[in-house]
Amino acid sequence: MAVVETKKEEKKEKKTQELGKSDFAYRFLIEPWITEKSHQNMVQNKYVFKTNPESNKKNIKKAVEDLYKVTVISVHVVNIHPKKRIYGRTKGFKSGYKKAIVTLKEGDKIQLFEGV
């Protein structure tokens, strides 16, 4: 019985390790940022992501490397501030966000962007 229980425990540990890596990545990366300008930057091996506002360069770098299995050379972060919007008499704000421009090593590509 003890052998069966240890195998079950090993399987649970493997699952938590696998989930841990992807969960880490999804905690900091929200979505890829797909625009005409971001497609032009892909020629220079630069990819753009919308990120969690609490994320920093080190977390973004690790998340991209773990999720896409590529080597990241540099990360540039841009904070987009909330913008005022007026619709009739209603006033409000368009929410702000954080954007990361990730430069990859020569020869590495992210396949997610290739099919778009």
C-alpha atoms as a PDB file:
ATOM      1  CA  MET A   1       0.000   0.000   0.000  1.00  0.00           C
ATOM      2  CA  ALA A   2       2.828   2.383   0.788  1.00  0.00           C
ATOM      3  CA  VAL A   3       4.243   2.072  -2.746  1.00  0.00           C
ATOM      4  CA  VAL A   4       0.895   3.024  -4.292  1.00  0.00           C
ATOM      5  CA  GLU A   5       0.547   6.052  -2.021  1.00  0.00           C
ATOM      6  CA  THR A   6       4.030   7.352  -2.851  1.00  0.00           C
ATOM      7  CA  LYS A   7       3.336   7.101  -6.595  1.00  0.00           C
ATOM      8  CA  LYS A   8       0.139   9.103  -6.128  1.00  0.00           C
ATOM      9  CA  GLU A   9       2.046  11.705  -4.152  1.00  0.00           C
ATOM     10  CA  GLU A  10       4.717  11.917  -6.883  1.00  0.00           C
ATOM     11  CA  LYS A  11       2.031  12.480  -9.534  1.00  0.00           C
ATOM     12  CA  LYS A  12       0.469  15.250  -7.432  1.00  0.00           C
ATOM     13  CA  GLU A  13       3.875  16.929  -7.008  1.00  0.00           C
ATOM     14  CA  LYS A  14       4.533  16.823 -10.778  1.00  0.00           C
ATOM     15  CA  LYS A  15       1.142  18.360 -11.507  1.00  0.00           C
ATOM     16  CA  THR A  16       1.686  21.164  -9.009  1.00  0.00           C
ATOM     17  CA  GLN A  17       5.146  21.865 -10.448  1.00  0.00           C
ATOM     18  CA  GLU A  18       3.733  22.075 -13.995  1.00  0.00           C
ATOM     19  CA  LEU A  19       0.858  24.284 -12.880  1.00  0.00           C
ATOM     20  CA  GLY A  20       3.232  26.423 -10.886  1.00  0.00           C
ATOM     21  CA  LYS A  21       5.256  27.468 -13.942  1.00  0.00           C
ATOM     22  CA  SER A  22       2.291  28.342 -16.144  1.00  0.00           C
ATOM     23  CA  ASP A  23       0.389  29.870 -13.233  1.00  0.00           C
ATOM     24  CA  PHE A  24       3.359  32.155 -12.591  1.00  0.00           C
ATOM     25  CA  ALA A  25       3.333  33.283 -16.223  1.00  0.00           C
ATOM     26  CA  TYR A  26      -0.401  33.905 -16.342  1.00  0.00           C
ATOM     27  CA  ARG A  27      -0.214  35.917 -13.130  1.00  0.00           C
ATOM     28  CA  PHE A  28       1.934  38.567 -14.844  1.00  0.00           C
ATOM     29  CA  LEU A  29       1.059  38.355 -18.572  1.00  0.00           C
ATOM     30  CA  ILE A  30      -2.536  39.272 -19.424  1.00  0.00           C
ATOM     31  CA  GLU A  31      -2.564  39.087 -23.227  1.00  0.00           C
ATOM     32  CA  PRO A  32      -0.399  39.734 -26.278  1.00  0.00           C
ATOM     33  CA  TRP A  33      -0.742  43.254 -27.650  1.00  0.00           C
ATOM     34  CA  ILE A  34      -1.496  42.905 -31.370  1.00  0.00           C
ATOM     35  CA  THR A  35      -1.381  46.108 -33.430  1.00  0.00           C
ATOM     36  CA  GLU A  36       0.232  47.210 -36.692  1.00  0.00           C
ATOM     37  CA  LYS A  37       3.143  48.713 -34.802  1.00  0.00           C
ATOM     38  CA  SER A  38       3.713  45.540 -32.779  1.00  0.00           C
ATOM     39  CA  HIS A  39       3.771  43.521 -36.017  1.00  0.00           C
ATOM     40  CA  GLN A  40       6.420  45.856 -37.432  1.00  0.00           C
ATOM     41  CA  ASN A  41       8.506  45.336 -34.287  1.00  0.00           C
ATOM     42  CA  MET A  42       8.429  41.554 -34.770  1.00  0.00           C
ATOM     43  CA  VAL A  43      10.972  41.974 -37.576  1.00  0.00           C
ATOM     44  CA  GLN A  44      13.390  43.259 -34.911  1.00  0.00           C
ATOM     45  CA  ASN A  45      12.450  40.313 -32.618  1.00  0.00           C
ATOM     46  CA  LYS A  46      10.410  42.525 -30.258  1.00  0.00           C
ATOM     47  CA  TYR A  47       7.048  41.345 -28.909  1.00  0.00           C
ATOM     48  CA  VAL A  48       4.499  43.375 -26.937  1.00  0.00           C
ATOM     49  CA  PHE A  49       2.343  42.122 -24.043  1.00  0.00           C
ATOM     50  CA  LYS A  50      -0.289  43.701 -21.822  1.00  0.00           C
ATOM     51  CA  THR A  51       0.805  42.922 -18.273  1.00  0.00           C
ATOM     52  CA  ASN A  52      -0.390  43.041 -14.696  1.00  0.00           C
ATOM     53  CA  PRO A  53       0.116  46.546 -13.214  1.00  0.00           C
ATOM     54  CA  GLU A  54       2.008  45.073 -10.226  1.00  0.00           C
ATOM     55  CA  SER A  55       4.505  43.184 -12.413  1.00  0.00           C
ATOM     56  CA  ASN A  56       8.127  44.235 -12.859  1.00  0.00           C
ATOM     57  CA  LYS A  57      10.796  43.545 -15.490  1.00  0.00           C
ATOM     58  CA  LYS A  58      12.221  40.464 -13.774  1.00  0.00           C
ATOM     59  CA  ASN A  59       8.795  38.832 -13.393  1.00  0.00           C
ATOM     60  CA  ILE A  60       7.850  39.591 -17.000  1.00  0.00           C
ATOM     61  CA  LYS A  61      11.144  38.174 -18.279  1.00  0.00           C
ATOM     62  CA  LYS A  62      10.739  34.946 -16.305  1.00  0.00           C
ATOM     63  CA  ALA A  63       7.073  34.596 -17.325  1.00  0.00           C
ATOM     64  CA  VAL A  64       7.838  34.926 -21.057  1.00  0.00           C
ATOM     65  CA  GLU A  65      10.772  32.511 -20.836  1.00  0.00           C
ATOM     66  CA  ASP A  66       8.716  29.905 -18.935  1.00  0.00           C
ATOM     67  CA  LEU A  67       5.594  30.193 -21.074  1.00  0.00           C
ATOM     68  CA  TYR A  68       7.100  30.374 -24.579  1.00  0.00           C
ATOM     69  CA  LYS A  69      10.475  28.602 -24.020  1.00  0.00           C
ATOM     70  CA  VAL A  70      12.537  31.457 -25.498  1.00  0.00           C
ATOM     71  CA  THR A  71      15.499  33.526 -24.318  1.00  0.00           C
ATOM     72  CA  VAL A  72      14.710  37.130 -23.392  1.00  0.00           C
ATOM     73  CA  ILE A  73      17.447  39.741 -23.855  1.00  0.00           C
ATOM     74  CA  SER A  74      15.664  42.832 -22.526  1.00  0.00           C
ATOM     75  CA  VAL A  75      12.303  44.079 -21.266  1.00  0.00           C
ATOM     76  CA  HIS A  76      10.992  47.638 -21.558  1.00  0.00           C
ATOM     77  CA  VAL A  77       7.901  48.625 -19.557  1.00  0.00           C
ATOM     78  CA  VAL A  78       5.429  51.396 -20.395  1.00  0.00           C
ATOM     79  CA  ASN A  79       2.680  52.600 -18.026  1.00  0.00           C
ATOM     80  CA  ILE A  80      -0.388  53.863 -19.897  1.00  0.00           C
ATOM     81  CA  HIS A  81      -2.277  56.255 -17.610  1.00  0.00           C
ATOM     82  CA  PRO A  82      -6.092  56.375 -17.345  1.00  0.00           C
ATOM     83  CA  LYS A  83      -7.727  58.733 -19.839  1.00  0.00           C
ATOM     84  CA  LYS A  84     -10.708  60.986 -19.190  1.00  0.00           C
ATOM     85  CA  ARG A  85     -13.815  60.156 -21.236  1.00  0.00           C
ATOM     86  CA  ILE A  86     -17.068  62.109 -21.501  1.00  0.00           C
ATOM     87  CA  TYR A  87     -20.181  60.492 -22.950  1.00  0.00           C
ATOM     88  CA  GLY A  88     -23.024  63.000 -22.901  1.00  0.00           C
ATOM     89  CA  ARG A  89     -23.381  64.157 -19.312  1.00  0.00           C
ATOM     90  CA  THR A  90     -21.568  61.111 -17.937  1.00  0.00           C
ATOM     91  CA  LYS A  91     -17.938  61.616 -17.036  1.00  0.00           C
ATOM     92  CA  GLY A  92     -15.504  58.833 -16.316  1.00  0.00           C
ATOM     93  CA  PHE A  93     -12.122  57.338 -17.003  1.00  0.00           C
ATOM     94  CA  LYS A  94     -10.832  54.736 -19.405  1.00  0.00           C
ATOM     95  CA  SER A  95      -8.738  52.371 -17.292  1.00  0.00           C
ATOM     96  CA  GLY A  96      -4.974  52.485 -17.511  1.00  0.00           C
ATOM     97  CA  TYR A  97      -2.704  49.486 -18.037  1.00  0.00           C
ATOM     98  CA  LYS A  98       0.922  48.393 -18.220  1.00  0.00           C
ATOM     99  CA  LYS A  99       2.584  47.281 -21.439  1.00  0.00           C
ATOM    100  CA  ALA A 100       5.858  45.370 -21.836  1.00  0.00           C
ATOM    101  CA  ILE A 101       8.075  45.272 -24.942  1.00  0.00           C
ATOM    102  CA  VAL A 102      10.152  42.082 -24.833  1.00  0.00           C
ATOM    103  CA  THR A 103      13.255  41.630 -27.016  1.00  0.00           C
ATOM    104  CA  LEU A 104      14.167  38.014 -27.786  1.00  0.00           C
ATOM    105  CA  LYS A 105      17.483  36.420 -28.684  1.00  0.00           C
ATOM    106  CA  GLU A 106      18.271  36.230 -32.413  1.00  0.00           C
ATOM    107  CA  GLY A 107      16.598  33.145 -33.894  1.00  0.00           C
ATOM    108  CA  ASP A 108      13.890  32.768 -31.201  1.00  0.00           C
ATOM    109  CA  LYS A 109      10.269  33.346 -32.192  1.00  0.00           C
ATOM    110  CA  ILE A 110       6.885  33.160 -30.507  1.00  0.00           C
ATOM    111  CA  GLN A 111       4.538  31.092 -32.648  1.00  0.00           C
ATOM    112  CA  LEU A 112       1.416  32.753 -31.225  1.00  0.00           C
ATOM    113  CA  PHE A 113       2.117  35.881 -33.252  1.00  0.00           C
ATOM    114  CA  GLU A 114       3.027  34.100 -36.501  1.00  0.00           C
ATOM    115  CA  GLY A 115      -0.499  32.860 -37.265  1.00  0.00           C
ATOM    116  CA  VAL A 116      -2.164  36.270 -36.808  1.00  0.00           C
END
